[in-house]
N, C-alpha and C. Protein backbone atom coordinates (compact mmCIF):
# COMPACT_ATOMS: atom_id res chain seq x y z
N MET A 1 107.48 114.43 105.61
CA MET A 1 106.17 113.50 105.31
C MET A 1 105.17 114.26 104.54
N ASN A 2 104.27 113.27 103.74
CA ASN A 2 103.30 113.92 102.83
C ASN A 2 102.29 114.64 103.61
N VAL A 3 102.21 114.31 104.68
CA VAL A 3 101.12 114.82 105.51
C VAL A 3 101.79 115.72 106.52
N LYS A 4 101.45 117.14 106.73
CA LYS A 4 101.86 118.01 107.72
C LYS A 4 101.53 117.61 109.09
N LEU A 5 102.32 118.22 109.66
CA LEU A 5 102.12 118.03 111.28
C LEU A 5 101.75 119.29 112.10
N VAL A 6 100.68 119.58 112.82
CA VAL A 6 100.23 120.61 113.36
C VAL A 6 100.23 120.36 114.63
N ARG A 7 100.77 121.18 115.57
CA ARG A 7 100.55 121.42 117.27
C ARG A 7 99.42 122.08 117.47
N GLN A 8 98.27 121.61 117.78
CA GLN A 8 97.12 122.42 117.87
C GLN A 8 97.07 123.02 119.40
N ASP A 9 96.22 124.06 119.53
CA ASP A 9 96.29 125.18 120.66
C ASP A 9 96.19 124.29 121.94
N ASP A 10 95.47 122.95 122.03
CA ASP A 10 95.31 122.36 123.31
C ASP A 10 96.67 121.41 123.56
N GLY A 11 97.76 121.51 122.45
CA GLY A 11 98.83 120.75 123.03
C GLY A 11 99.23 119.41 122.13
N THR A 12 97.82 119.03 121.58
CA THR A 12 98.04 117.79 120.89
C THR A 12 98.65 118.05 119.55
N ILE A 13 98.99 116.73 119.00
CA ILE A 13 99.45 116.76 117.47
C ILE A 13 98.77 116.11 116.64
N ARG A 14 98.55 116.91 115.86
CA ARG A 14 97.50 116.58 114.50
C ARG A 14 98.34 116.01 113.16
N VAL A 15 97.77 114.95 112.62
CA VAL A 15 98.60 114.40 111.44
C VAL A 15 97.25 114.29 110.34
N GLY A 16 97.32 115.06 109.70
CA GLY A 16 95.99 115.02 108.77
C GLY A 16 94.90 115.21 109.48
N ASP A 17 94.03 114.40 109.24
CA ASP A 17 92.63 114.45 109.92
C ASP A 17 92.55 113.65 111.27
N THR A 18 93.91 113.37 111.89
CA THR A 18 94.02 112.37 112.97
C THR A 18 94.64 113.06 114.01
N ILE A 19 94.44 112.73 115.29
CA ILE A 19 95.45 113.17 116.47
C ILE A 19 96.07 111.91 117.01
N LEU A 20 97.50 112.24 117.39
CA LEU A 20 98.26 111.14 117.94
C LEU A 20 97.81 110.85 119.35
N ASP A 21 97.78 109.33 119.72
CA ASP A 21 97.60 109.09 120.98
C ASP A 21 98.93 108.56 121.39
N ALA A 22 99.64 109.29 122.03
CA ALA A 22 101.05 108.98 122.24
C ALA A 22 101.13 107.77 123.51
N THR A 23 100.05 107.65 124.23
CA THR A 23 100.05 106.58 125.31
C THR A 23 99.86 105.13 124.50
N ARG A 24 98.83 105.12 123.51
CA ARG A 24 98.26 103.83 122.99
C ARG A 24 99.14 103.69 121.65
N TRP A 25 99.60 104.81 121.26
CA TRP A 25 100.41 104.82 119.95
C TRP A 25 99.35 104.53 118.88
N CYS A 26 98.44 105.27 118.71
CA CYS A 26 97.43 105.32 117.45
C CYS A 26 97.11 106.51 117.22
N ARG A 27 96.36 106.71 115.84
CA ARG A 27 95.92 107.97 115.68
C ARG A 27 94.28 107.86 115.50
N HIS A 28 93.63 108.98 116.25
CA HIS A 28 92.30 109.13 116.19
C HIS A 28 91.70 109.77 115.36
N ARG A 29 91.03 109.50 114.26
CA ARG A 29 90.16 110.33 113.38
C ARG A 29 89.21 111.63 114.13
N ILE A 30 89.54 112.62 113.45
CA ILE A 30 88.74 113.86 114.31
C ILE A 30 87.80 114.45 113.24
N PRO A 31 86.67 114.85 113.90
CA PRO A 31 85.79 115.48 112.80
C PRO A 31 86.12 116.96 112.24
N GLU A 32 86.87 117.70 112.93
CA GLU A 32 87.21 118.83 112.76
C GLU A 32 88.60 119.18 113.23
N PRO A 33 89.35 119.93 112.41
CA PRO A 33 90.76 120.37 112.86
C PRO A 33 90.60 121.65 113.54
N ALA A 34 91.32 121.70 114.73
CA ALA A 34 91.36 122.93 115.58
C ALA A 34 92.40 123.84 115.05
N CYS A 35 92.61 125.18 115.83
CA CYS A 35 93.66 125.88 115.30
C CYS A 35 95.14 125.33 115.82
N GLY A 36 96.03 125.72 115.34
CA GLY A 36 97.47 125.28 115.65
C GLY A 36 98.51 125.74 114.66
N SER A 37 99.70 125.34 114.71
CA SER A 37 100.88 125.68 114.18
C SER A 37 101.54 124.65 113.52
N GLU A 38 102.09 124.61 112.27
CA GLU A 38 102.77 123.49 111.81
C GLU A 38 104.00 123.42 112.54
N VAL A 39 104.55 122.04 112.59
CA VAL A 39 105.77 121.79 113.22
C VAL A 39 106.56 120.75 112.55
N THR A 40 107.92 120.15 113.02
CA THR A 40 108.59 119.33 112.15
C THR A 40 108.34 118.10 113.05
N VAL A 41 108.74 117.02 112.39
CA VAL A 41 108.44 115.65 113.07
C VAL A 41 109.20 115.79 114.42
N CYS A 42 110.44 116.09 114.55
CA CYS A 42 111.26 116.21 115.76
C CYS A 42 110.44 117.18 116.85
N GLU A 43 110.24 118.33 116.38
CA GLU A 43 109.24 119.02 117.28
C GLU A 43 108.06 118.57 117.83
N ALA A 44 107.57 117.77 116.69
CA ALA A 44 106.19 116.96 117.23
C ALA A 44 106.35 115.88 118.33
N PHE A 45 107.37 115.12 118.22
CA PHE A 45 107.90 114.15 119.25
C PHE A 45 108.44 115.02 120.47
N GLY A 46 109.01 116.11 120.36
CA GLY A 46 109.37 116.78 121.71
C GLY A 46 108.23 117.26 122.36
N PHE A 47 106.94 117.53 121.81
CA PHE A 47 106.06 117.89 122.48
C PHE A 47 105.29 116.81 123.06
N LEU A 48 105.17 115.68 122.33
CA LEU A 48 104.52 114.49 122.75
C LEU A 48 105.15 113.94 123.93
N ALA A 49 106.50 113.95 124.03
CA ALA A 49 107.31 113.51 125.20
C ALA A 49 107.02 114.45 126.39
N GLN A 50 106.34 115.61 126.49
CA GLN A 50 106.18 116.47 127.55
C GLN A 50 104.98 115.95 128.08
N ARG A 51 104.02 115.01 127.12
CA ARG A 51 102.66 115.00 127.66
C ARG A 51 102.71 113.38 128.17
N ALA A 52 103.44 112.76 127.48
CA ALA A 52 103.27 111.20 127.73
C ALA A 52 104.63 110.56 127.87
N SER A 53 104.77 109.40 128.23
CA SER A 53 106.03 108.52 128.13
C SER A 53 106.02 108.05 126.85
N LEU A 54 107.26 108.16 126.03
CA LEU A 54 107.35 107.39 124.86
C LEU A 54 108.24 105.89 124.96
N ARG A 55 108.42 105.56 126.30
CA ARG A 55 109.22 104.46 126.52
C ARG A 55 109.15 103.22 125.64
N HIS A 56 107.50 102.96 125.29
CA HIS A 56 107.02 101.92 124.82
C HIS A 56 107.70 101.86 123.18
N LEU A 57 108.06 103.09 122.69
CA LEU A 57 108.46 103.23 121.39
C LEU A 57 109.92 102.64 121.20
N VAL A 58 110.28 101.59 120.87
CA VAL A 58 111.59 100.86 120.72
C VAL A 58 112.20 101.03 119.55
N ILE A 59 113.51 101.69 119.53
CA ILE A 59 114.45 101.80 118.21
C ILE A 59 115.41 101.15 118.32
N GLY A 60 115.80 100.04 117.27
CA GLY A 60 117.16 99.21 117.25
C GLY A 60 117.98 100.06 116.63
N VAL A 61 119.15 99.97 117.06
CA VAL A 61 120.23 100.61 116.35
C VAL A 61 121.45 99.62 116.22
N ILE A 62 121.94 99.31 114.99
CA ILE A 62 122.71 98.21 114.66
C ILE A 62 123.98 98.58 113.80
N GLY A 63 124.97 97.78 114.20
CA GLY A 63 126.27 98.16 113.48
C GLY A 63 127.32 97.40 113.91
N PRO A 64 128.44 97.30 113.32
CA PRO A 64 129.63 96.52 113.62
C PRO A 64 130.39 96.93 114.83
N ARG A 65 131.23 95.84 115.42
CA ARG A 65 131.81 96.06 116.70
C ARG A 65 133.28 96.86 116.11
N GLU A 66 133.63 96.81 114.83
CA GLU A 66 134.91 97.31 114.27
C GLU A 66 134.34 98.58 113.48
N ALA A 67 134.14 99.69 114.20
CA ALA A 67 133.48 101.04 113.22
C ALA A 67 134.56 102.01 113.04
N SER A 68 134.18 102.82 112.13
CA SER A 68 135.07 103.78 111.44
C SER A 68 134.70 104.99 112.54
N ALA A 69 135.27 106.09 112.29
CA ALA A 69 135.22 107.21 112.92
C ALA A 69 133.87 108.05 112.69
N ALA A 70 133.70 107.71 111.11
CA ALA A 70 132.39 108.42 110.87
C ALA A 70 131.15 107.52 111.23
N GLN A 71 131.29 106.32 111.54
CA GLN A 71 130.14 105.62 112.09
C GLN A 71 129.98 105.73 113.34
N ILE A 72 131.10 106.08 114.23
CA ILE A 72 131.07 106.29 115.59
C ILE A 72 130.40 107.70 115.84
N CYS A 73 130.61 108.47 114.98
CA CYS A 73 130.24 109.92 115.14
C CYS A 73 128.48 109.84 114.86
N ALA A 74 128.32 109.19 113.96
CA ALA A 74 126.86 109.02 113.39
C ALA A 74 125.88 108.36 114.51
N ALA A 75 126.53 107.17 114.89
CA ALA A 75 125.96 106.38 116.12
C ALA A 75 125.51 107.23 117.59
N GLU A 76 126.77 108.21 117.98
CA GLU A 76 126.78 108.74 118.98
C GLU A 76 125.50 110.09 118.85
N ARG A 77 125.44 110.58 117.62
CA ARG A 77 124.56 111.54 117.44
C ARG A 77 123.04 111.01 117.16
N ILE A 78 122.89 109.99 116.65
CA ILE A 78 121.74 109.27 116.76
C ILE A 78 120.88 108.88 118.19
N GLY A 79 122.10 108.38 118.77
CA GLY A 79 121.72 107.76 120.20
C GLY A 79 121.31 109.02 121.01
N HIS A 80 122.05 110.08 120.95
CA HIS A 80 121.80 111.43 121.49
C HIS A 80 120.37 111.81 121.29
N ASP A 81 119.98 112.00 119.87
CA ASP A 81 118.64 112.71 119.60
C ASP A 81 117.64 111.86 120.04
N LEU A 82 117.67 110.50 119.72
CA LEU A 82 116.41 109.63 120.08
C LEU A 82 116.21 109.67 121.31
N GLY A 83 117.41 109.39 122.17
CA GLY A 83 117.32 109.48 123.78
C GLY A 83 116.84 110.53 124.60
N ARG A 84 117.23 111.73 124.04
CA ARG A 84 116.67 112.96 124.55
C ARG A 84 114.99 112.98 124.46
N LEU A 85 114.49 112.62 123.41
CA LEU A 85 113.13 112.40 123.05
C LEU A 85 112.23 111.51 123.96
N GLY A 86 112.89 110.50 124.75
CA GLY A 86 112.40 109.67 125.67
C GLY A 86 112.10 108.32 124.87
N LEU A 87 112.52 107.94 123.81
CA LEU A 87 112.34 106.67 123.18
C LEU A 87 113.24 105.70 123.85
N THR A 88 112.84 104.49 123.76
CA THR A 88 113.82 103.26 124.14
C THR A 88 114.61 102.93 123.07
N LEU A 89 116.13 102.66 123.27
CA LEU A 89 116.80 102.21 122.28
C LEU A 89 117.47 100.85 122.74
N ILE A 90 117.47 99.84 121.67
CA ILE A 90 118.21 98.58 121.99
C ILE A 90 119.31 98.34 121.06
N CYS A 91 120.14 97.74 121.19
CA CYS A 91 121.36 97.40 120.50
C CYS A 91 121.87 96.10 120.98
N GLY A 92 123.21 95.66 120.35
CA GLY A 92 123.59 94.60 120.77
C GLY A 92 124.56 94.64 121.84
N GLY A 93 124.67 95.89 122.75
CA GLY A 93 125.15 96.16 123.91
C GLY A 93 126.86 95.98 124.04
N LYS A 94 127.43 95.71 122.86
CA LYS A 94 128.94 95.38 122.65
C LYS A 94 129.77 96.64 122.42
N THR A 95 130.56 96.54 121.70
CA THR A 95 131.59 97.81 121.23
C THR A 95 131.11 98.33 119.85
N GLY A 96 132.17 99.32 119.49
CA GLY A 96 131.91 99.88 118.05
C GLY A 96 130.59 100.86 118.09
N VAL A 97 129.70 100.42 117.01
CA VAL A 97 128.55 101.33 116.69
C VAL A 97 127.54 101.20 118.05
N MET A 98 127.52 100.00 118.73
CA MET A 98 126.77 100.02 119.85
C MET A 98 127.40 100.56 121.10
N GLU A 99 128.56 100.68 121.15
CA GLU A 99 128.96 101.35 122.37
C GLU A 99 128.82 102.94 122.10
N ALA A 100 128.62 103.28 120.67
CA ALA A 100 128.73 104.81 120.25
C ALA A 100 127.28 105.23 120.81
N VAL A 101 126.43 104.58 120.02
CA VAL A 101 124.84 104.68 120.49
C VAL A 101 124.45 104.85 121.70
N SER A 102 125.19 103.73 122.71
CA SER A 102 124.93 103.75 124.09
C SER A 102 125.31 105.06 124.61
N LYS A 103 126.39 105.44 124.20
CA LYS A 103 127.10 106.44 124.66
C LYS A 103 126.16 107.92 124.61
N GLY A 104 125.73 108.09 123.45
CA GLY A 104 125.07 109.28 122.88
C GLY A 104 123.71 109.21 123.71
N CYS A 105 122.85 108.18 123.76
CA CYS A 105 121.83 107.93 124.49
C CYS A 105 121.90 108.07 126.01
N ALA A 106 122.98 107.37 126.77
CA ALA A 106 123.23 107.88 128.03
C ALA A 106 123.32 109.41 128.28
N GLU A 107 124.07 109.97 127.40
CA GLU A 107 124.30 111.31 127.87
C GLU A 107 123.11 112.21 127.72
N ALA A 108 122.01 111.75 126.93
CA ALA A 108 120.93 112.53 126.94
C ALA A 108 119.96 112.27 127.71
N GLY A 109 120.47 111.31 128.85
CA GLY A 109 119.42 110.83 129.81
C GLY A 109 118.38 109.64 129.45
N GLY A 110 118.68 108.98 128.16
CA GLY A 110 117.86 108.09 127.53
C GLY A 110 117.86 106.59 128.23
N LEU A 111 117.07 105.69 127.51
CA LEU A 111 117.29 104.39 127.91
C LEU A 111 117.92 103.46 127.08
N MET A 112 118.75 102.72 127.29
CA MET A 112 119.40 101.83 126.07
C MET A 112 119.52 100.65 126.71
N ILE A 113 118.89 99.58 126.18
CA ILE A 113 118.78 98.23 126.40
C ILE A 113 119.86 97.47 125.55
N GLY A 114 120.77 96.57 126.06
CA GLY A 114 121.60 95.95 125.41
C GLY A 114 121.40 94.33 125.51
N ILE A 115 121.04 93.82 124.28
CA ILE A 115 120.85 92.32 124.12
C ILE A 115 121.88 91.76 123.64
N LEU A 116 122.59 91.12 124.96
CA LEU A 116 123.94 90.47 124.77
C LEU A 116 123.94 89.25 124.33
N PRO A 117 125.12 88.56 123.56
CA PRO A 117 124.86 87.26 123.04
C PRO A 117 125.36 86.23 124.03
N GLY A 118 125.96 86.82 125.07
CA GLY A 118 126.58 85.82 126.10
C GLY A 118 125.65 85.66 127.41
N ASN A 119 126.15 85.17 128.56
CA ASN A 119 125.66 85.23 129.58
C ASN A 119 125.96 85.88 130.64
N GLU A 120 126.77 86.83 130.40
CA GLU A 120 127.27 87.96 131.48
C GLU A 120 126.88 89.25 131.44
N PRO A 121 125.77 90.07 132.32
CA PRO A 121 125.66 91.22 132.10
C PRO A 121 126.83 92.07 132.08
N ALA A 122 127.99 91.91 132.83
CA ALA A 122 129.08 92.79 132.62
C ALA A 122 129.92 92.70 131.47
N ASP A 123 129.19 91.89 130.48
CA ASP A 123 130.04 91.98 129.15
C ASP A 123 129.48 93.24 128.37
N ALA A 124 128.44 93.92 128.86
CA ALA A 124 127.95 94.93 128.08
C ALA A 124 128.74 96.32 128.29
N ASN A 125 128.68 97.34 127.09
CA ASN A 125 129.53 98.52 127.41
C ASN A 125 129.09 99.25 128.51
N PRO A 126 129.76 100.27 128.88
CA PRO A 126 129.31 100.79 130.00
C PRO A 126 128.22 101.70 130.17
N PHE A 127 127.84 102.22 128.94
CA PHE A 127 126.82 102.99 128.69
C PHE A 127 125.55 102.40 128.47
N VAL A 128 125.32 101.02 128.71
CA VAL A 128 124.10 100.19 128.58
C VAL A 128 123.33 100.54 129.93
N SER A 129 122.06 101.00 129.74
CA SER A 129 121.09 101.19 130.88
C SER A 129 120.78 99.76 131.47
N VAL A 130 120.39 98.82 130.55
CA VAL A 130 119.79 97.71 131.18
C VAL A 130 120.36 96.56 130.32
N PRO A 131 121.52 95.66 130.60
CA PRO A 131 121.78 94.65 130.00
C PRO A 131 121.23 93.44 130.23
N LEU A 132 120.64 92.81 128.86
CA LEU A 132 120.01 91.45 128.82
C LEU A 132 120.74 90.42 128.42
N PRO A 133 121.58 89.71 129.25
CA PRO A 133 122.31 88.62 128.53
C PRO A 133 121.30 87.49 128.24
N THR A 134 121.31 86.74 126.90
CA THR A 134 120.47 85.81 126.39
C THR A 134 121.08 84.64 126.26
N GLY A 135 122.37 84.32 126.11
CA GLY A 135 123.12 83.12 125.94
C GLY A 135 122.58 82.56 124.46
N LEU A 136 122.49 83.49 123.71
CA LEU A 136 121.82 83.02 122.37
C LEU A 136 122.75 83.13 121.26
N GLY A 137 124.12 83.80 121.43
CA GLY A 137 124.95 83.98 120.23
C GLY A 137 124.69 84.96 119.53
N GLU A 138 124.87 84.89 118.21
CA GLU A 138 124.56 85.79 117.15
C GLU A 138 122.70 85.44 116.85
N ALA A 139 122.14 84.54 117.35
CA ALA A 139 120.98 84.24 117.35
C ALA A 139 120.22 85.43 118.07
N ARG A 140 120.84 86.30 118.94
CA ARG A 140 120.24 87.22 119.79
C ARG A 140 119.90 88.54 118.39
N ASN A 141 120.43 88.28 117.53
CA ASN A 141 120.19 89.47 116.24
C ASN A 141 118.52 89.33 116.09
N MET A 142 118.11 88.16 116.12
CA MET A 142 116.75 87.99 115.80
C MET A 142 115.92 88.70 116.83
N VAL A 143 116.31 88.69 117.96
CA VAL A 143 115.64 89.37 119.25
C VAL A 143 115.56 90.78 118.96
N ILE A 144 116.74 91.27 118.50
CA ILE A 144 116.75 92.79 118.48
C ILE A 144 115.84 93.47 117.21
N ALA A 145 115.89 92.66 116.20
CA ALA A 145 114.97 92.91 114.88
C ALA A 145 113.58 92.92 115.34
N LYS A 146 113.08 91.73 116.10
CA LYS A 146 111.78 91.48 116.48
C LYS A 146 111.29 92.60 117.51
N SER A 147 112.00 92.95 118.34
CA SER A 147 111.61 93.84 119.29
C SER A 147 111.69 95.60 118.85
N ALA A 148 112.21 95.73 118.04
CA ALA A 148 112.26 97.23 117.65
C ALA A 148 111.19 97.48 116.65
N ARG A 149 110.68 98.62 116.76
CA ARG A 149 109.58 99.04 115.74
C ARG A 149 110.39 99.66 114.43
N VAL A 150 111.56 100.23 114.72
CA VAL A 150 112.42 100.55 113.50
C VAL A 150 113.63 100.07 113.86
N LEU A 151 114.42 100.07 112.90
CA LEU A 151 115.98 99.37 112.77
C LEU A 151 116.82 100.48 112.03
N ILE A 152 117.68 101.10 112.78
CA ILE A 152 118.66 102.00 112.10
C ILE A 152 120.08 101.06 112.00
N ALA A 153 120.52 100.83 110.59
CA ALA A 153 121.71 100.45 110.43
C ALA A 153 123.06 101.31 110.26
N ILE A 154 123.87 101.30 110.81
CA ILE A 154 125.02 102.16 110.66
C ILE A 154 126.12 101.38 110.39
N GLY A 155 126.56 101.63 109.31
CA GLY A 155 127.69 100.52 108.72
C GLY A 155 127.25 99.23 108.34
N GLY A 156 128.20 98.29 108.01
CA GLY A 156 128.01 96.99 107.86
C GLY A 156 128.80 95.90 108.18
N SER A 157 128.34 94.83 108.40
CA SER A 157 129.10 93.60 108.87
C SER A 157 128.06 92.47 108.70
N TYR A 158 128.64 91.21 108.64
CA TYR A 158 127.66 90.09 108.53
C TYR A 158 126.61 90.23 109.58
N GLY A 159 127.03 90.41 110.79
CA GLY A 159 126.00 90.48 111.86
C GLY A 159 124.91 91.51 111.68
N THR A 160 125.45 92.67 111.23
CA THR A 160 124.49 93.69 110.84
C THR A 160 123.57 93.16 109.71
N LEU A 161 124.38 92.67 108.55
CA LEU A 161 123.37 92.03 107.49
C LEU A 161 122.36 91.28 108.06
N SER A 162 122.73 90.43 108.90
CA SER A 162 121.50 89.39 109.58
C SER A 162 120.56 90.00 110.13
N GLU A 163 120.79 91.19 111.00
CA GLU A 163 119.74 91.95 111.71
C GLU A 163 118.96 92.62 110.66
N VAL A 164 119.52 93.30 109.36
CA VAL A 164 118.90 93.87 108.60
C VAL A 164 117.83 92.82 107.93
N ALA A 165 118.53 91.71 107.83
CA ALA A 165 117.37 90.64 106.82
C ALA A 165 116.20 90.37 107.67
N TYR A 166 116.59 90.23 108.99
CA TYR A 166 115.68 89.90 110.07
C TYR A 166 114.45 91.06 110.16
N GLY A 167 114.96 92.14 110.29
CA GLY A 167 114.08 93.39 110.32
C GLY A 167 113.01 93.42 109.00
N LEU A 168 113.62 93.29 107.64
CA LEU A 168 112.83 93.33 106.84
C LEU A 168 111.98 91.97 106.55
N HIS A 169 112.40 91.04 107.00
CA HIS A 169 111.50 89.73 107.02
C HIS A 169 110.46 90.09 107.99
N PHE A 170 110.56 90.86 109.16
CA PHE A 170 109.64 91.10 110.08
C PHE A 170 108.68 92.21 109.52
N SER A 171 109.04 92.89 108.54
CA SER A 171 108.20 94.06 107.77
C SER A 171 108.36 95.13 108.84
N LYS A 172 109.93 95.35 109.08
CA LYS A 172 110.17 96.55 110.00
C LYS A 172 110.59 97.75 109.00
N THR A 173 110.57 98.89 109.28
CA THR A 173 111.34 99.84 108.60
C THR A 173 112.84 99.81 108.99
N VAL A 174 113.63 99.75 107.88
CA VAL A 174 115.25 99.57 108.12
C VAL A 174 115.79 100.72 107.48
N ILE A 175 116.36 101.69 108.30
CA ILE A 175 117.09 102.78 107.73
C ILE A 175 118.60 102.45 107.77
N GLY A 176 119.22 103.05 106.42
CA GLY A 176 120.81 102.67 106.65
C GLY A 176 121.48 104.03 106.25
N LEU A 177 122.88 104.06 106.93
CA LEU A 177 123.63 105.15 106.56
C LEU A 177 124.81 104.69 106.99
N VAL A 178 126.05 105.89 106.36
CA VAL A 178 127.32 105.35 106.63
C VAL A 178 127.79 104.01 106.45
N GLY A 179 127.50 103.47 105.12
CA GLY A 179 128.06 102.22 104.78
C GLY A 179 126.99 100.77 105.20
N ALA A 180 125.85 101.21 105.55
CA ALA A 180 125.05 100.29 105.90
C ALA A 180 124.47 99.29 104.59
N PRO A 181 124.48 98.00 104.98
CA PRO A 181 124.09 96.90 103.62
C PRO A 181 123.08 97.57 102.55
N ASP A 182 123.44 97.55 101.21
CA ASP A 182 122.92 98.00 100.14
C ASP A 182 122.19 96.90 99.61
N VAL A 183 120.86 96.65 100.39
CA VAL A 183 120.00 95.61 99.82
C VAL A 183 118.67 96.29 99.63
N ALA A 184 117.90 95.51 98.72
CA ALA A 184 116.56 96.00 98.43
C ALA A 184 115.54 96.05 99.69
N GLY A 185 115.04 97.17 99.94
CA GLY A 185 114.05 97.21 101.33
C GLY A 185 114.64 98.25 102.24
N VAL A 186 116.01 98.63 102.27
CA VAL A 186 116.64 99.31 103.09
C VAL A 186 116.51 100.95 102.80
N SER A 187 115.95 101.77 103.51
CA SER A 187 115.94 103.15 103.15
C SER A 187 117.18 103.85 103.66
N HIS A 188 117.95 104.31 102.58
CA HIS A 188 119.15 104.91 102.85
C HIS A 188 119.19 106.67 103.01
N VAL A 189 119.80 106.97 103.99
CA VAL A 189 120.00 108.54 104.42
C VAL A 189 121.27 108.92 104.09
N ALA A 190 121.32 110.15 104.26
CA ALA A 190 122.79 110.74 104.08
C ALA A 190 123.30 111.13 105.47
N THR A 191 122.56 111.58 106.24
CA THR A 191 123.07 112.07 107.52
C THR A 191 122.30 111.47 108.87
N PRO A 192 123.11 111.68 110.21
CA PRO A 192 122.26 111.40 111.31
C PRO A 192 120.82 112.01 111.30
N ASP A 193 120.80 113.40 111.23
CA ASP A 193 119.54 114.20 111.28
C ASP A 193 118.45 113.41 110.44
N ALA A 194 118.72 113.27 109.25
CA ALA A 194 118.01 112.23 108.37
C ALA A 194 117.35 111.00 108.81
N ALA A 195 118.30 110.42 109.43
CA ALA A 195 118.09 109.20 110.14
C ALA A 195 117.00 109.11 111.09
N VAL A 196 117.06 110.08 111.89
CA VAL A 196 116.32 110.43 113.06
C VAL A 196 114.95 110.71 112.52
N SER A 197 115.00 111.71 111.62
CA SER A 197 113.45 112.36 111.16
C SER A 197 112.79 111.17 110.47
N ARG A 198 113.41 110.22 109.74
CA ARG A 198 113.08 109.27 108.96
C ARG A 198 112.44 108.09 109.76
N THR A 199 113.30 107.75 111.02
CA THR A 199 112.92 106.89 112.17
C THR A 199 111.29 107.39 112.67
N LEU A 200 111.20 108.84 113.14
CA LEU A 200 110.09 109.18 113.92
C LEU A 200 108.96 109.06 112.56
N GLU A 201 109.17 109.48 111.51
CA GLU A 201 108.12 109.43 110.43
C GLU A 201 107.70 108.05 110.34
N ALA A 202 108.57 107.14 110.52
CA ALA A 202 108.04 105.74 110.16
C ALA A 202 107.19 105.45 111.41
N LEU A 203 107.46 105.80 112.72
CA LEU A 203 106.58 105.61 113.71
C LEU A 203 105.28 106.32 113.39
N ILE A 204 105.27 107.22 113.17
CA ILE A 204 103.71 107.85 112.94
C ILE A 204 103.03 107.13 111.84
N ALA A 205 103.79 106.72 110.62
CA ALA A 205 103.14 106.23 109.85
C ALA A 205 102.52 104.70 110.14
N ALA A 206 103.23 104.14 111.13
CA ALA A 206 102.99 102.87 111.45
C ALA A 206 101.79 102.77 112.72
N ALA A 207 101.52 103.95 113.12
CA ALA A 207 100.62 104.22 114.05
C ALA A 207 99.06 103.62 113.40
N PRO A 208 98.18 102.59 114.10
CA PRO A 208 97.23 102.44 113.25
C PRO A 208 96.04 103.90 113.69
N VAL A 209 94.74 103.75 112.54
CA VAL A 209 94.08 104.77 112.66
C VAL A 209 92.94 104.03 113.17
N ARG A 210 92.21 104.98 114.07
CA ARG A 210 90.98 104.43 114.81
C ARG A 210 89.89 105.71 114.75
N ASP A 211 88.64 105.21 114.76
CA ASP A 211 87.51 106.37 115.08
C ASP A 211 87.75 106.85 116.35
N TRP A 212 87.52 107.74 116.77
CA TRP A 212 87.60 108.47 118.11
C TRP A 212 86.67 107.68 118.99
N GLN A 213 85.51 107.26 118.61
CA GLN A 213 84.84 106.52 119.59
C GLN A 213 85.02 105.14 119.92
N SER A 214 85.97 104.52 119.19
CA SER A 214 86.16 103.01 119.39
C SER A 214 86.95 102.85 120.68
N ASP A 215 87.61 104.01 121.18
CA ASP A 215 88.33 103.79 122.45
C ASP A 215 87.67 104.32 123.77
N VAL A 216 86.43 104.93 123.41
CA VAL A 216 85.66 105.47 124.37
C VAL A 216 84.91 104.70 125.37
């Protein structure tokens, strides 16, 4: 990030001249910075998760049903790292990348919502926490893109491409890796760690800035 993150002595996270409000997900301007130490974006979210629930921060992870070993590995890692921070993840609920990210999230104790194309909750992979059958077929891709604050595309397929397009249309940050669609607007990264960091940075960047008195 261009702005450094500081964990202040009172446990709050400062972003430049603002303080992150984890509950309302906004940033309050502060008149004077307090003492503290610089932290990484992953460390900052770890501290935030200790103070408040981050379940309202929804991240979509998208990718093909027929996935390569590298895509499976990346999806599991991303699911685990975001799940352990207490964020909510959503995916298409089926196999391939979707099952891998669900597995990683479940192993970290996270919450995975599966937005299913059909009518049966039992169609979800076994690692989905909350299966949501929509009966919408591939149109459920729009639901995933609209519901997520950030989308991570792992690999590519026509279905993934449609979700990327919806995400960009809805002005969402779309991060891609391991063969994600190479289209304008997608922020490509090389590793799962970079995808996680870029996702968290995007969440902070999207938090609206308010005067401290505005919510008092």
